[in-house]
């Protein structure tokens, strides 16, 4: 039996077949994997902060447009908390709009300065939040949709201590704009569960770390394939900057230094720098040598395969899970 595709407010908003977003991935969210996800019927976001220069970002946007044959794709705008680290954000928006991008994902600080320039140009903005309180604030600022993440999110889930589905269930009682949930989601069954709960879709990242198109060393992908649901740990909790990452030697060294009383980012030296991860892990293949953002959803990865195949498997499983629920009701 051929099952009909899902249609939600998210699929209508982004004009996509599947209610699935590939969120921003620092150093990894570039045209190759984003185009593969878009061509598979979902939506992906090129991570602007990953590029060393504005021209490098522009060139990757153009490459993505070629790879997708003109299909819409998105740009991630991650807003840093540190002063002076968001100076390029308006340039990123301008470049993206110049290159025809109209779909944006923001994360981190308030999107107050993003809504106007994006929407005046005919764009749509989904803001990623760690709590219902932040989601309501983003809604009041006029964002077009909200992504709400739980403590399982790979990367920075914020100070939230609720799971994705608990967070989402509370948000659905109060949020009016389209709502997406994320954190620990790596199977089609979870997508079906999110839709059944009332969410308009899901945002994912860790499950795609093993995609063929991801520009990370094969050794890291193999490490994730071999891992299980206990593949991640949190670091920097004591600094109020919780970071969910791959459980490796560097993460354990950071935890040890925290236990010894380190309470500032500078006290960890280069262990937590993204440049070290890019050079030693993503490019060099030493999976123990840097901090890799990863959530427990990485444990669902069972093979290295094209991103399009991952999307197809996820959505097939989601449709079958939904059909099973329908059968139970009959």
C-alpha atoms as a PDB file:
ATOM      1  CA  UNK A   1       0.000   0.000   0.000  1.00  0.00           C
ATOM      2  CA  UNK A   2       1.302   3.450  -0.943  1.00  0.00           C
ATOM      3  CA  UNK A   3       0.842   5.833   1.962  1.00  0.00           C
ATOM      4  CA  UNK A   4       0.098   9.493   1.335  1.00  0.00           C
ATOM      5  CA  UNK A   5       2.746  12.057   2.294  1.00  0.00           C
ATOM      6  CA  UNK A   6       2.282  14.180   5.389  1.00  0.00           C
ATOM      7  CA  UNK A   7       0.992  17.726   4.974  1.00  0.00           C
ATOM      8  CA  UNK A   8       1.414  20.200   7.817  1.00  0.00           C
ATOM      9  CA  UNK A   9       1.734  23.928   8.277  1.00  0.00           C
ATOM     10  CA  UNK A  10       5.511  23.415   8.023  1.00  0.00           C
ATOM     11  CA  UNK A  11       5.387  21.678   4.643  1.00  0.00           C
ATOM     12  CA  UNK A  12       3.160  24.485   3.379  1.00  0.00           C
ATOM     13  CA  UNK A  13       5.400  27.212   4.840  1.00  0.00           C
ATOM     14  CA  UNK A  14       8.586  25.871   3.237  1.00  0.00           C
ATOM     15  CA  UNK A  15       6.905  24.209   0.234  1.00  0.00           C
ATOM     16  CA  UNK A  16       8.440  20.798   0.989  1.00  0.00           C
ATOM     17  CA  UNK A  17       7.163  17.217   0.787  1.00  0.00           C
ATOM     18  CA  UNK A  18       8.350  16.043   4.192  1.00  0.00           C
ATOM     19  CA  UNK A  19       7.933  17.774   7.598  1.00  0.00           C
ATOM     20  CA  UNK A  20      11.649  17.437   8.306  1.00  0.00           C
ATOM     21  CA  UNK A  21      14.313  20.117   8.740  1.00  0.00           C
ATOM     22  CA  UNK A  22      18.069  19.615   8.747  1.00  0.00           C
ATOM     23  CA  UNK A  23      19.137  22.282  11.219  1.00  0.00           C
ATOM     24  CA  UNK A  24      22.349  24.280  11.152  1.00  0.00           C
ATOM     25  CA  UNK A  25      25.559  22.304  11.732  1.00  0.00           C
ATOM     26  CA  UNK A  26      28.709  24.307  12.466  1.00  0.00           C
ATOM     27  CA  UNK A  27      31.497  23.529   9.938  1.00  0.00           C
ATOM     28  CA  UNK A  28      29.377  20.738   8.431  1.00  0.00           C
ATOM     29  CA  UNK A  29      26.185  22.432   7.232  1.00  0.00           C
ATOM     30  CA  UNK A  30      27.250  23.327   3.709  1.00  0.00           C
ATOM     31  CA  UNK A  31      25.884  22.938   0.194  1.00  0.00           C
ATOM     32  CA  UNK A  32      26.586  19.233  -0.305  1.00  0.00           C
ATOM     33  CA  UNK A  33      24.461  17.806   2.484  1.00  0.00           C
ATOM     34  CA  UNK A  34      21.881  20.611   2.413  1.00  0.00           C
ATOM     35  CA  UNK A  35      21.250  20.096  -1.310  1.00  0.00           C
ATOM     36  CA  UNK A  36      20.934  16.332  -0.815  1.00  0.00           C
ATOM     37  CA  UNK A  37      18.303  16.832   1.900  1.00  0.00           C
ATOM     38  CA  UNK A  38      16.422  19.401  -0.192  1.00  0.00           C
ATOM     39  CA  UNK A  39      16.473  17.133  -3.249  1.00  0.00           C
ATOM     40  CA  UNK A  40      14.978  14.390  -1.069  1.00  0.00           C
ATOM     41  CA  UNK A  41      11.963  16.586  -0.287  1.00  0.00           C
ATOM     42  CA  UNK A  42      12.910  18.084   3.089  1.00  0.00           C
ATOM     43  CA  UNK A  43      14.503  21.420   4.013  1.00  0.00           C
ATOM     44  CA  UNK A  44      18.105  22.117   5.003  1.00  0.00           C
ATOM     45  CA  UNK A  45      19.982  25.193   6.158  1.00  0.00           C
ATOM     46  CA  UNK A  46      23.515  26.183   5.173  1.00  0.00           C
ATOM     47  CA  UNK A  47      25.274  27.434   8.318  1.00  0.00           C
ATOM     48  CA  UNK A  48      26.507  30.958   7.587  1.00  0.00           C
ATOM     49  CA  UNK A  49      28.831  31.065  10.603  1.00  0.00           C
ATOM     50  CA  UNK A  50      30.878  28.180   9.194  1.00  0.00           C
ATOM     51  CA  UNK A  51      32.380  30.304   6.411  1.00  0.00           C
ATOM     52  CA  UNK A  52      35.558  32.324   6.865  1.00  0.00           C
ATOM     53  CA  UNK A  53      34.537  35.129   4.493  1.00  0.00           C
ATOM     54  CA  UNK A  54      31.346  36.556   3.019  1.00  0.00           C
ATOM     55  CA  UNK A  55      32.527  35.528  -0.452  1.00  0.00           C
ATOM     56  CA  UNK A  56      32.984  31.924   0.674  1.00  0.00           C
ATOM     57  CA  UNK A  57      29.383  31.918   1.897  1.00  0.00           C
ATOM     58  CA  UNK A  58      28.169  33.413  -1.374  1.00  0.00           C
ATOM     59  CA  UNK A  59      29.997  30.792  -3.427  1.00  0.00           C
ATOM     60  CA  UNK A  60      28.508  27.955  -1.384  1.00  0.00           C
ATOM     61  CA  UNK A  61      25.008  29.380  -1.791  1.00  0.00           C
ATOM     62  CA  UNK A  62      25.536  29.433  -5.530  1.00  0.00           C
ATOM     63  CA  UNK A  63      26.795  25.860  -5.487  1.00  0.00           C
ATOM     64  CA  UNK A  64      23.729  24.786  -3.521  1.00  0.00           C
ATOM     65  CA  UNK A  65      21.443  26.460  -6.037  1.00  0.00           C
ATOM     66  CA  UNK A  66      23.151  24.493  -8.820  1.00  0.00           C
ATOM     67  CA  UNK A  67      22.972  21.201  -6.900  1.00  0.00           C
ATOM     68  CA  UNK A  68      19.259  21.668  -6.182  1.00  0.00           C
ATOM     69  CA  UNK A  69      18.490  22.857  -9.737  1.00  0.00           C
ATOM     70  CA  UNK A  70      16.942  25.978  -8.271  1.00  0.00           C
ATOM     71  CA  UNK A  71      14.828  24.344  -5.552  1.00  0.00           C
ATOM     72  CA  UNK A  72      14.521  26.484  -2.392  1.00  0.00           C
ATOM     73  CA  UNK A  73      16.964  25.892   0.460  1.00  0.00           C
ATOM     74  CA  UNK A  74      17.717  27.750   3.667  1.00  0.00           C
ATOM     75  CA  UNK A  75      20.410  29.574   5.622  1.00  0.00           C
ATOM     76  CA  UNK A  76      21.091  29.183   9.348  1.00  0.00           C
ATOM     77  CA  UNK A  77      21.878  32.330  11.353  1.00  0.00           C
ATOM     78  CA  UNK A  78      23.357  31.282  14.695  1.00  0.00           C
ATOM     79  CA  UNK A  79      23.550  34.256  17.058  1.00  0.00           C
ATOM     80  CA  UNK A  80      26.387  34.231  19.569  1.00  0.00           C
ATOM     81  CA  UNK A  81      26.055  35.483  23.122  1.00  0.00           C
ATOM     82  CA  UNK A  82      29.500  37.101  23.105  1.00  0.00           C
ATOM     83  CA  UNK A  83      29.799  40.809  22.237  1.00  0.00           C
ATOM     84  CA  UNK A  84      31.114  41.504  18.767  1.00  0.00           C
ATOM     85  CA  UNK A  85      30.482  37.994  17.467  1.00  0.00           C
ATOM     86  CA  UNK A  86      27.289  38.913  15.574  1.00  0.00           C
ATOM     87  CA  UNK A  87      28.679  41.799  13.534  1.00  0.00           C
ATOM     88  CA  UNK A  88      28.453  39.830  10.272  1.00  0.00           C
ATOM     89  CA  UNK A  89      24.858  38.625  10.670  1.00  0.00           C
ATOM     90  CA  UNK A  90      23.227  41.402   8.645  1.00  0.00           C
ATOM     91  CA  UNK A  91      25.784  40.818   5.878  1.00  0.00           C
ATOM     92  CA  UNK A  92      24.856  37.124   5.872  1.00  0.00           C
ATOM     93  CA  UNK A  93      21.191  38.038   5.465  1.00  0.00           C
ATOM     94  CA  UNK A  94      21.954  40.482   2.661  1.00  0.00           C
ATOM     95  CA  UNK A  95      24.117  37.968   0.798  1.00  0.00           C
ATOM     96  CA  UNK A  96      21.546  35.200   1.198  1.00  0.00           C
ATOM     97  CA  UNK A  97      18.722  37.430  -0.039  1.00  0.00           C
ATOM     98  CA  UNK A  98      20.870  38.587  -2.973  1.00  0.00           C
ATOM     99  CA  UNK A  99      21.365  34.926  -3.905  1.00  0.00           C
ATOM    100  CA  UNK A 100      17.644  34.192  -3.833  1.00  0.00           C
ATOM    101  CA  UNK A 101      17.399  32.527  -0.408  1.00  0.00           C
ATOM    102  CA  UNK A 102      14.071  33.135   1.334  1.00  0.00           C
ATOM    103  CA  UNK A 103      14.124  30.481   4.067  1.00  0.00           C
ATOM    104  CA  UNK A 104      16.015  31.166   7.286  1.00  0.00           C
ATOM    105  CA  UNK A 105      16.635  29.409  10.598  1.00  0.00           C
ATOM    106  CA  UNK A 106      17.952  31.364  13.577  1.00  0.00           C
ATOM    107  CA  UNK A 107      19.246  30.112  16.911  1.00  0.00           C
ATOM    108  CA  UNK A 108      20.909  31.477  20.018  1.00  0.00           C
ATOM    109  CA  UNK A 109      20.128  35.061  20.961  1.00  0.00           C
ATOM    110  CA  UNK A 110      16.863  36.882  20.287  1.00  0.00           C
ATOM    111  CA  UNK A 111      15.866  37.133  16.601  1.00  0.00           C
ATOM    112  CA  UNK A 112      14.548  40.680  17.092  1.00  0.00           C
ATOM    113  CA  UNK A 113      16.969  42.181  14.537  1.00  0.00           C
ATOM    114  CA  UNK A 114      16.339  39.451  11.957  1.00  0.00           C
ATOM    115  CA  UNK A 115      12.569  39.424  11.532  1.00  0.00           C
ATOM    116  CA  UNK A 116      12.299  42.794   9.780  1.00  0.00           C
ATOM    117  CA  UNK A 117      14.958  42.471   7.060  1.00  0.00           C
ATOM    118  CA  UNK A 118      13.981  38.885   6.275  1.00  0.00           C
ATOM    119  CA  UNK A 119      10.223  39.385   6.100  1.00  0.00           C
ATOM    120  CA  UNK A 120      10.429  42.693   4.203  1.00  0.00           C
ATOM    121  CA  UNK A 121      12.265  40.777   1.484  1.00  0.00           C
ATOM    122  CA  UNK A 122       9.565  38.105   1.369  1.00  0.00           C
ATOM    123  CA  UNK A 123      11.467  35.578   3.469  1.00  0.00           C
ATOM    124  CA  UNK A 124      10.318  33.332   6.298  1.00  0.00           C
ATOM    125  CA  UNK A 125      12.110  32.773   9.593  1.00  0.00           C
ATOM    126  CA  UNK A 126      11.956  29.847  12.002  1.00  0.00           C
ATOM    127  CA  UNK A 127      13.646  30.469  15.350  1.00  0.00           C
ATOM    128  CA  UNK A 128      15.082  27.628  17.431  1.00  0.00           C
ATOM    129  CA  UNK A 129      14.411  27.922  21.183  1.00  0.00           C
ATOM    130  CA  UNK A 130      15.297  25.923  24.319  1.00  0.00           C
ATOM    131  CA  UNK A 131      12.126  26.667  26.298  1.00  0.00           C
ATOM    132  CA  UNK A 132       8.455  27.561  25.955  1.00  0.00           C
ATOM    133  CA  UNK A 133       9.194  30.978  27.432  1.00  0.00           C
ATOM    134  CA  UNK A 134      11.703  31.738  24.676  1.00  0.00           C
ATOM    135  CA  UNK A 135       9.334  30.343  22.047  1.00  0.00           C
ATOM    136  CA  UNK A 136       6.580  32.705  23.165  1.00  0.00           C
ATOM    137  CA  UNK A 137       9.004  35.633  23.031  1.00  0.00           C
ATOM    138  CA  UNK A 138      10.011  34.704  19.487  1.00  0.00           C
ATOM    139  CA  UNK A 139       6.358  34.418  18.485  1.00  0.00           C
ATOM    140  CA  UNK A 140       5.673  37.908  19.839  1.00  0.00           C
ATOM    141  CA  UNK A 141       8.582  39.224  17.767  1.00  0.00           C
ATOM    142  CA  UNK A 142       6.814  37.963  14.652  1.00  0.00           C
ATOM    143  CA  UNK A 143       8.780  34.892  13.567  1.00  0.00           C
ATOM    144  CA  UNK A 144       6.942  32.647  11.110  1.00  0.00           C
ATOM    145  CA  UNK A 145       7.573  29.402  13.012  1.00  0.00           C
ATOM    146  CA  UNK A 146       9.314  28.109  16.113  1.00  0.00           C
ATOM    147  CA  UNK A 147      11.558  25.107  16.672  1.00  0.00           C
ATOM    148  CA  UNK A 148      11.631  23.929  20.281  1.00  0.00           C
ATOM    149  CA  UNK A 149      14.486  21.663  21.343  1.00  0.00           C
ATOM    150  CA  UNK A 150      14.923  19.422  24.351  1.00  0.00           C
ATOM    151  CA  UNK A 151      17.943  18.580  26.462  1.00  0.00           C
ATOM    152  CA  UNK A 152      18.806  15.732  24.048  1.00  0.00           C
ATOM    153  CA  UNK A 153      19.797  18.156  21.294  1.00  0.00           C
ATOM    154  CA  UNK A 154      23.335  17.742  19.995  1.00  0.00           C
ATOM    155  CA  UNK A 155      25.163  21.031  20.429  1.00  0.00           C
ATOM    156  CA  UNK A 156      23.800  23.730  22.750  1.00  0.00           C
ATOM    157  CA  UNK A 157      20.308  22.942  24.110  1.00  0.00           C
ATOM    158  CA  UNK A 158      20.440  25.859  26.531  1.00  0.00           C
ATOM    159  CA  UNK A 159      19.563  25.670  30.214  1.00  0.00           C
ATOM    160  CA  UNK A 160      16.417  23.666  29.518  1.00  0.00           C
ATOM    161  CA  UNK A 161      16.201  20.398  31.481  1.00  0.00           C
ATOM    162  CA  UNK A 162      13.086  19.044  29.758  1.00  0.00           C
ATOM    163  CA  UNK A 163      13.054  16.421  27.017  1.00  0.00           C
ATOM    164  CA  UNK A 164      11.974  17.304  23.494  1.00  0.00           C
ATOM    165  CA  UNK A 165       8.573  15.675  23.812  1.00  0.00           C
ATOM    166  CA  UNK A 166       7.790  17.099  27.248  1.00  0.00           C
ATOM    167  CA  UNK A 167       8.887  20.548  26.084  1.00  0.00           C
ATOM    168  CA  UNK A 168       6.828  20.171  22.922  1.00  0.00           C
ATOM    169  CA  UNK A 169       3.688  18.995  24.693  1.00  0.00           C
ATOM    170  CA  UNK A 170       3.678  22.083  26.911  1.00  0.00           C
ATOM    171  CA  UNK A 171       4.415  24.375  23.965  1.00  0.00           C
ATOM    172  CA  UNK A 172       1.529  23.038  21.912  1.00  0.00           C
ATOM    173  CA  UNK A 173      -0.856  24.360  24.538  1.00  0.00           C
ATOM    174  CA  UNK A 174       0.402  27.914  24.059  1.00  0.00           C
ATOM    175  CA  UNK A 175       2.146  28.455  20.710  1.00  0.00           C
ATOM    176  CA  UNK A 176       0.019  29.536  17.742  1.00  0.00           C
ATOM    177  CA  UNK A 177       2.602  29.641  14.932  1.00  0.00           C
ATOM    178  CA  UNK A 178       3.827  26.394  13.311  1.00  0.00           C
ATOM    179  CA  UNK A 179       5.840  24.415  15.863  1.00  0.00           C
ATOM    180  CA  UNK A 180       8.706  22.012  15.192  1.00  0.00           C
ATOM    181  CA  UNK A 181      10.387  19.926  17.882  1.00  0.00           C
ATOM    182  CA  UNK A 182      13.922  18.589  18.016  1.00  0.00           C
ATOM    183  CA  UNK A 183      16.435  16.866  20.253  1.00  0.00           C
ATOM    184  CA  UNK A 184      17.188  13.148  20.232  1.00  0.00           C
ATOM    185  CA  UNK A 185      15.038  12.519  17.157  1.00  0.00           C
ATOM    186  CA  UNK A 186      16.625   9.937  14.875  1.00  0.00           C
ATOM    187  CA  UNK A 187      13.872   7.507  13.864  1.00  0.00           C
ATOM    188  CA  UNK A 188      10.723   7.628  11.803  1.00  0.00           C
ATOM    189  CA  UNK A 189       8.699   6.450  14.782  1.00  0.00           C
ATOM    190  CA  UNK A 190       9.659   9.612  16.624  1.00  0.00           C
ATOM    191  CA  UNK A 191       8.625  11.744  13.658  1.00  0.00           C
ATOM    192  CA  UNK A 192       5.236  10.023  13.661  1.00  0.00           C
ATOM    193  CA  UNK A 193       4.957  10.574  17.413  1.00  0.00           C
ATOM    194  CA  UNK A 194       5.762  14.275  17.054  1.00  0.00           C
ATOM    195  CA  UNK A 195       3.102  14.698  14.367  1.00  0.00           C
ATOM    196  CA  UNK A 196       0.566  12.706  16.384  1.00  0.00           C
ATOM    197  CA  UNK A 197       1.225  14.979  19.341  1.00  0.00           C
ATOM    198  CA  UNK A 198       0.372  17.995  17.200  1.00  0.00           C
ATOM    199  CA  UNK A 199       3.781  19.289  16.089  1.00  0.00           C
ATOM    200  CA  UNK A 200       4.133  20.472  12.500  1.00  0.00           C
ATOM    201  CA  UNK A 201       7.442  18.712  11.976  1.00  0.00           C
ATOM    202  CA  UNK A 202      10.855  17.893  13.409  1.00  0.00           C
ATOM    203  CA  UNK A 203      14.326  19.386  13.231  1.00  0.00           C
ATOM    204  CA  UNK A 204      17.268  16.989  13.142  1.00  0.00           C
ATOM    205  CA  UNK A 205      21.052  17.050  12.972  1.00  0.00           C
ATOM    206  CA  UNK A 206      22.889  14.192  14.666  1.00  0.00           C
ATOM    207  CA  UNK A 207      21.195  11.482  12.589  1.00  0.00           C
ATOM    208  CA  UNK A 208      22.713  13.046   9.455  1.00  0.00           C
ATOM    209  CA  UNK A 209      26.292  13.023  10.772  1.00  0.00           C
ATOM    210  CA  UNK A 210      26.846   9.777   8.841  1.00  0.00           C
ATOM    211  CA  UNK A 211      25.516  11.068   5.523  1.00  0.00           C
ATOM    212  CA  UNK A 212      27.906  10.522   2.634  1.00  0.00           C
ATOM    213  CA  UNK A 213      27.704  14.215   1.778  1.00  0.00           C
ATOM    214  CA  UNK A 214      28.770  15.424   5.232  1.00  0.00           C
ATOM    215  CA  UNK A 215      32.292  16.858   4.963  1.00  0.00           C
ATOM    216  CA  UNK A 216      33.642  14.964   7.972  1.00  0.00           C
ATOM    217  CA  UNK A 217      36.274  12.233   8.050  1.00  0.00           C
ATOM    218  CA  UNK A 218      35.076   8.686   7.441  1.00  0.00           C
ATOM    219  CA  UNK A 219      36.620   7.685  10.785  1.00  0.00           C
ATOM    220  CA  UNK A 220      34.152   9.910  12.628  1.00  0.00           C
ATOM    221  CA  UNK A 221      31.221   8.521  10.664  1.00  0.00           C
ATOM    222  CA  UNK A 222      32.351   4.972  11.419  1.00  0.00           C
ATOM    223  CA  UNK A 223      32.632   5.861  15.116  1.00  0.00           C
ATOM    224  CA  UNK A 224      29.039   7.108  15.157  1.00  0.00           C
ATOM    225  CA  UNK A 225      27.734   4.067  13.264  1.00  0.00           C
ATOM    226  CA  UNK A 226      29.381   1.826  15.876  1.00  0.00           C
ATOM    227  CA  UNK A 227      27.877   3.829  18.770  1.00  0.00           C
ATOM    228  CA  UNK A 228      24.586   3.377  20.606  1.00  0.00           C
ATOM    229  CA  UNK A 229      22.160   5.647  22.451  1.00  0.00           C
ATOM    230  CA  UNK A 230      24.854   6.399  25.058  1.00  0.00           C
ATOM    231  CA  UNK A 231      27.097   8.065  22.459  1.00  0.00           C
ATOM    232  CA  UNK A 232      26.793  11.573  23.929  1.00  0.00           C
ATOM    233  CA  UNK A 233      27.580  13.420  27.152  1.00  0.00           C
ATOM    234  CA  UNK A 234      27.197  17.010  28.315  1.00  0.00           C
ATOM    235  CA  UNK A 235      30.014  19.393  29.133  1.00  0.00           C
ATOM    236  CA  UNK A 236      30.262  22.981  30.451  1.00  0.00           C
ATOM    237  CA  UNK A 237      27.095  22.567  32.540  1.00  0.00           C
ATOM    238  CA  UNK A 238      28.790  24.337  35.454  1.00  0.00           C
ATOM    239  CA  UNK A 239      29.427  27.390  33.238  1.00  0.00           C
ATOM    240  CA  UNK A 240      25.768  27.661  32.304  1.00  0.00           C
ATOM    241  CA  UNK A 241      26.712  26.775  28.723  1.00  0.00           C
ATOM    242  CA  UNK A 242      25.590  23.156  28.420  1.00  0.00           C
ATOM    243  CA  UNK A 243      26.977  21.433  25.328  1.00  0.00           C
ATOM    244  CA  UNK A 244      25.900  17.909  24.284  1.00  0.00           C
ATOM    245  CA  UNK A 245      28.765  16.208  22.476  1.00  0.00           C
ATOM    246  CA  UNK A 246      30.286  12.928  21.383  1.00  0.00           C
ATOM    247  CA  UNK A 247      31.587  10.934  24.360  1.00  0.00           C
ATOM    248  CA  UNK A 248      35.314  10.887  23.590  1.00  0.00           C
ATOM    249  CA  UNK A 249      38.639  11.582  25.291  1.00  0.00           C
ATOM    250  CA  UNK A 250      38.441  15.351  24.851  1.00  0.00           C
ATOM    251  CA  UNK A 251      34.927  15.517  26.300  1.00  0.00           C
ATOM    252  CA  UNK A 252      36.058  13.495  29.305  1.00  0.00           C
ATOM    253  CA  UNK A 253      39.079  15.796  29.767  1.00  0.00           C
ATOM    254  CA  UNK A 254      36.755  18.813  29.784  1.00  0.00           C
ATOM    255  CA  UNK A 255      34.504  17.121  32.349  1.00  0.00           C
ATOM    256  CA  UNK A 256      37.536  16.401  34.526  1.00  0.00           C
ATOM    257  CA  UNK A 257      38.705  20.010  34.370  1.00  0.00           C
ATOM    258  CA  UNK A 258      35.184  21.138  35.324  1.00  0.00           C
ATOM    259  CA  UNK A 259      35.245  18.767  38.285  1.00  0.00           C
ATOM    260  CA  UNK A 260      38.523  20.370  39.348  1.00  0.00           C
ATOM    261  CA  UNK A 261      36.831  23.791  39.467  1.00  0.00           C
ATOM    262  CA  UNK A 262      37.302  25.409  36.041  1.00  0.00           C
ATOM    263  CA  UNK A 263      34.570  28.009  35.607  1.00  0.00           C
ATOM    264  CA  UNK A 264      35.583  30.041  32.550  1.00  0.00           C
ATOM    265  CA  UNK A 265      35.930  29.112  28.892  1.00  0.00           C
ATOM    266  CA  UNK A 266      39.556  30.288  28.893  1.00  0.00           C
ATOM    267  CA  UNK A 267      40.506  27.641  31.459  1.00  0.00           C
ATOM    268  CA  UNK A 268      39.828  24.886  28.916  1.00  0.00           C
ATOM    269  CA  UNK A 269      42.375  26.206  26.438  1.00  0.00           C
ATOM    270  CA  UNK A 270      41.936  24.995  22.860  1.00  0.00           C
ATOM    271  CA  UNK A 271      40.079  21.824  23.886  1.00  0.00           C
ATOM    272  CA  UNK A 272      36.698  23.441  23.224  1.00  0.00           C
ATOM    273  CA  UNK A 273      37.632  25.473  20.150  1.00  0.00           C
ATOM    274  CA  UNK A 274      35.750  24.613  16.966  1.00  0.00           C
ATOM    275  CA  UNK A 275      38.913  25.185  14.901  1.00  0.00           C
ATOM    276  CA  UNK A 276      40.570  22.283  16.714  1.00  0.00           C
ATOM    277  CA  UNK A 277      37.595  20.031  15.992  1.00  0.00           C
ATOM    278  CA  UNK A 278      37.572  21.002  12.329  1.00  0.00           C
ATOM    279  CA  UNK A 279      41.288  20.373  11.851  1.00  0.00           C
ATOM    280  CA  UNK A 280      41.846  17.322  14.017  1.00  0.00           C
ATOM    281  CA  UNK A 281      38.517  15.496  13.838  1.00  0.00           C
ATOM    282  CA  UNK A 282      36.563  16.524  10.732  1.00  0.00           C
ATOM    283  CA  UNK A 283      39.661  16.799   8.536  1.00  0.00           C
ATOM    284  CA  UNK A 284      42.265  14.689  10.353  1.00  0.00           C
ATOM    285  CA  UNK A 285      40.091  11.788  11.472  1.00  0.00           C
ATOM    286  CA  UNK A 286      41.287  11.645  15.102  1.00  0.00           C
ATOM    287  CA  UNK A 287      37.893  11.081  16.724  1.00  0.00           C
ATOM    288  CA  UNK A 288      39.276  11.585  20.242  1.00  0.00           C
ATOM    289  CA  UNK A 289      40.974  14.916  19.589  1.00  0.00           C
ATOM    290  CA  UNK A 290      38.156  17.474  19.671  1.00  0.00           C
ATOM    291  CA  UNK A 291      34.636  18.322  20.759  1.00  0.00           C
ATOM    292  CA  UNK A 292      31.966  17.073  18.335  1.00  0.00           C
ATOM    293  CA  UNK A 293      28.366  18.247  18.759  1.00  0.00           C
ATOM    294  CA  UNK A 294      26.237  15.107  18.877  1.00  0.00           C
ATOM    295  CA  UNK A 295      23.047  13.931  20.558  1.00  0.00           C
ATOM    296  CA  UNK A 296      21.760  10.433  21.334  1.00  0.00           C
ATOM    297  CA  UNK A 297      20.012  10.404  17.932  1.00  0.00           C
ATOM    298  CA  UNK A 298      23.433   9.510  16.550  1.00  0.00           C
ATOM    299  CA  UNK A 299      22.843   6.069  18.021  1.00  0.00           C
ATOM    300  CA  UNK A 300      20.156   5.432  15.388  1.00  0.00           C
ATOM    301  CA  UNK A 301      22.740   5.665  12.608  1.00  0.00           C
ATOM    302  CA  UNK A 302      23.416   2.147  11.354  1.00  0.00           C
ATOM    303  CA  UNK A 303      25.310   2.816   8.117  1.00  0.00           C
ATOM    304  CA  UNK A 304      27.041   5.501   6.082  1.00  0.00           C
ATOM    305  CA  UNK A 305      24.682   6.368   3.222  1.00  0.00           C
ATOM    306  CA  UNK A 306      23.451   9.299   1.138  1.00  0.00           C
ATOM    307  CA  UNK A 307      21.406  11.915   2.971  1.00  0.00           C
ATOM    308  CA  UNK A 308      18.544  11.287   0.569  1.00  0.00           C
ATOM    309  CA  UNK A 309      18.438   7.647   1.628  1.00  0.00           C
ATOM    310  CA  UNK A 310      18.299   8.698   5.284  1.00  0.00           C
ATOM    311  CA  UNK A 311      15.343  10.979   4.555  1.00  0.00           C
ATOM    312  CA  UNK A 312      13.556   8.237   2.604  1.00  0.00           C
ATOM    313  CA  UNK A 313      14.015   5.661   5.375  1.00  0.00           C
ATOM    314  CA  UNK A 314      12.889   8.082   8.074  1.00  0.00           C
ATOM    315  CA  UNK A 315       9.736   9.081   6.247  1.00  0.00           C
ATOM    316  CA  UNK A 316       8.845   5.503   5.261  1.00  0.00           C
ATOM    317  CA  UNK A 317       9.150   4.456   8.898  1.00  0.00           C
ATOM    318  CA  UNK A 318       7.068   7.460   9.983  1.00  0.00           C
ATOM    319  CA  UNK A 319       4.289   6.611   7.534  1.00  0.00           C
ATOM    320  CA  UNK A 320       4.212   2.974   8.641  1.00  0.00           C
ATOM    321  CA  UNK A 321       4.110   3.980  12.305  1.00  0.00           C
ATOM    322  CA  UNK A 322       1.223   6.334  11.575  1.00  0.00           C
ATOM    323  CA  UNK A 323      -0.636   3.627   9.681  1.00  0.00           C
ATOM    324  CA  UNK A 324      -0.210   1.305  12.658  1.00  0.00           C
ATOM    325  CA  UNK A 325      -1.867   3.853  14.940  1.00  0.00           C
ATOM    326  CA  UNK A 326      -4.721   4.195  12.461  1.00  0.00           C
ATOM    327  CA  UNK A 327      -5.180   0.455  12.447  1.00  0.00           C
ATOM    328  CA  UNK A 328      -5.317   0.387  16.239  1.00  0.00           C
ATOM    329  CA  UNK A 329      -8.136   2.923  16.214  1.00  0.00           C
ATOM    330  CA  UNK A 330     -10.176   0.929  13.709  1.00  0.00           C
END
